[in-house]
Structure formats: C-alpha cells, structure tokens
Protein backbone atom coordinates (compact mmCIF):
# COMPACT_ATOMS: atom_id res chain seq x y z
CA MET A 1 3.15 29.54 53.17
CA LYS A 2 6.64 28.59 54.32
CA ILE A 3 6.87 25.83 51.68
CA ILE A 4 5.86 28.25 48.90
CA PHE A 5 8.50 30.76 50.03
CA ARG A 6 11.20 28.05 50.10
CA SER A 7 10.26 26.74 46.65
CA PHE A 8 10.20 30.29 45.29
CA THR A 9 13.64 31.02 46.77
CA PHE A 10 15.02 27.75 45.45
CA SER A 11 13.66 28.43 41.96
CA ILE A 12 15.18 31.94 41.95
CA ILE A 13 18.57 30.54 43.02
CA LEU A 14 18.36 27.81 40.37
CA LEU A 15 17.39 30.28 37.65
CA SER A 16 20.24 32.61 38.66
CA ALA A 17 22.73 29.74 38.51
CA ILE A 18 21.56 28.77 35.01
CA ILE A 19 21.76 32.35 33.76
CA LEU A 20 25.22 32.93 35.23
CA ASN A 21 26.47 29.67 33.71
CA GLY A 22 25.75 31.14 30.27
CA CYS A 23 28.32 33.92 30.85
CA LYS A 24 31.41 31.85 30.07
CA LYS A 25 34.83 33.48 29.96
CA GLU A 26 35.54 32.47 26.33
CA GLU A 27 32.30 34.09 25.16
CA GLN A 28 33.14 37.49 26.63
CA GLY A 29 34.32 40.18 24.21
CA ARG A 30 33.08 38.47 21.05
CA PRO A 31 31.45 40.69 18.43
CA LEU A 32 27.68 40.82 18.61
CA SER A 33 27.09 42.90 15.49
CA TYR A 34 28.80 42.46 12.15
CA THR A 35 29.48 44.72 9.19
CA LYS A 36 28.13 43.18 6.01
CA GLY A 37 30.85 42.25 3.52
CA VAL A 38 33.77 43.01 5.86
CA TYR A 39 35.93 40.24 7.30
CA GLN A 40 36.66 41.13 10.91
CA GLY A 41 38.69 38.06 11.88
CA ASN A 42 42.42 37.65 12.34
CA ALA A 43 44.67 38.22 9.34
CA ASP A 44 45.90 35.14 7.50
CA ASN A 45 49.52 34.10 7.65
CA THR A 46 51.47 34.41 4.40
CA LEU A 47 53.00 31.31 2.85
CA ASN A 48 56.64 31.14 1.86
CA ASP A 49 57.74 29.95 -1.60
CA SER A 50 58.39 26.39 -0.44
CA GLU A 51 54.90 26.01 0.99
CA VAL A 52 53.32 27.44 -2.17
CA TYR A 53 55.33 25.02 -4.31
CA GLN A 54 54.26 22.06 -2.14
CA LEU A 55 50.61 23.05 -2.45
CA LYS A 56 50.85 23.46 -6.23
CA LYS A 57 52.55 20.08 -6.47
CA ARG A 58 49.83 18.51 -4.38
CA ILE A 59 46.92 19.90 -6.39
CA SER A 60 48.52 19.09 -9.74
CA GLY A 61 48.01 15.39 -9.02
CA GLN A 62 44.34 15.99 -8.25
CA SER A 63 43.43 17.71 -11.50
CA TRP A 64 43.30 14.79 -13.93
CA TYR A 65 40.41 15.95 -16.13
C-alpha cells in the first residue's frame, strides 16, 4: 500500500511539473482567437526613398524575361 501511495504521489508531481513547464513566459499573452481577414500583428516600418530605390534596382536585374 505504501509503494502504491509513493508511486501515485510521484506520478502526480511529475505530471504537475510537465504541465507547468508548458506555461512558458514567452507564450503568455499571445492571442488565442483570431478575427478572419484582419491582420493583428505589429505595423510594418515604412521605407525611405533610398531604400525603395535600392530595392527597385535590385529587382530590375532579376526580371530578364
């Protein structure tokens, strides 16, 4: 009887440790439900004219067809 009680207690402690390990700090506060068709992430940074020019220059060499 004592062995069964110890194994039961050990399994409860082990199960609790596994469950609590799943509650990581970086996973707290993340959205669990989403609105269809609505982007809920951070806003994109705008590019300045120099960056836009560099990107256009870069893709112009890739469009050869």
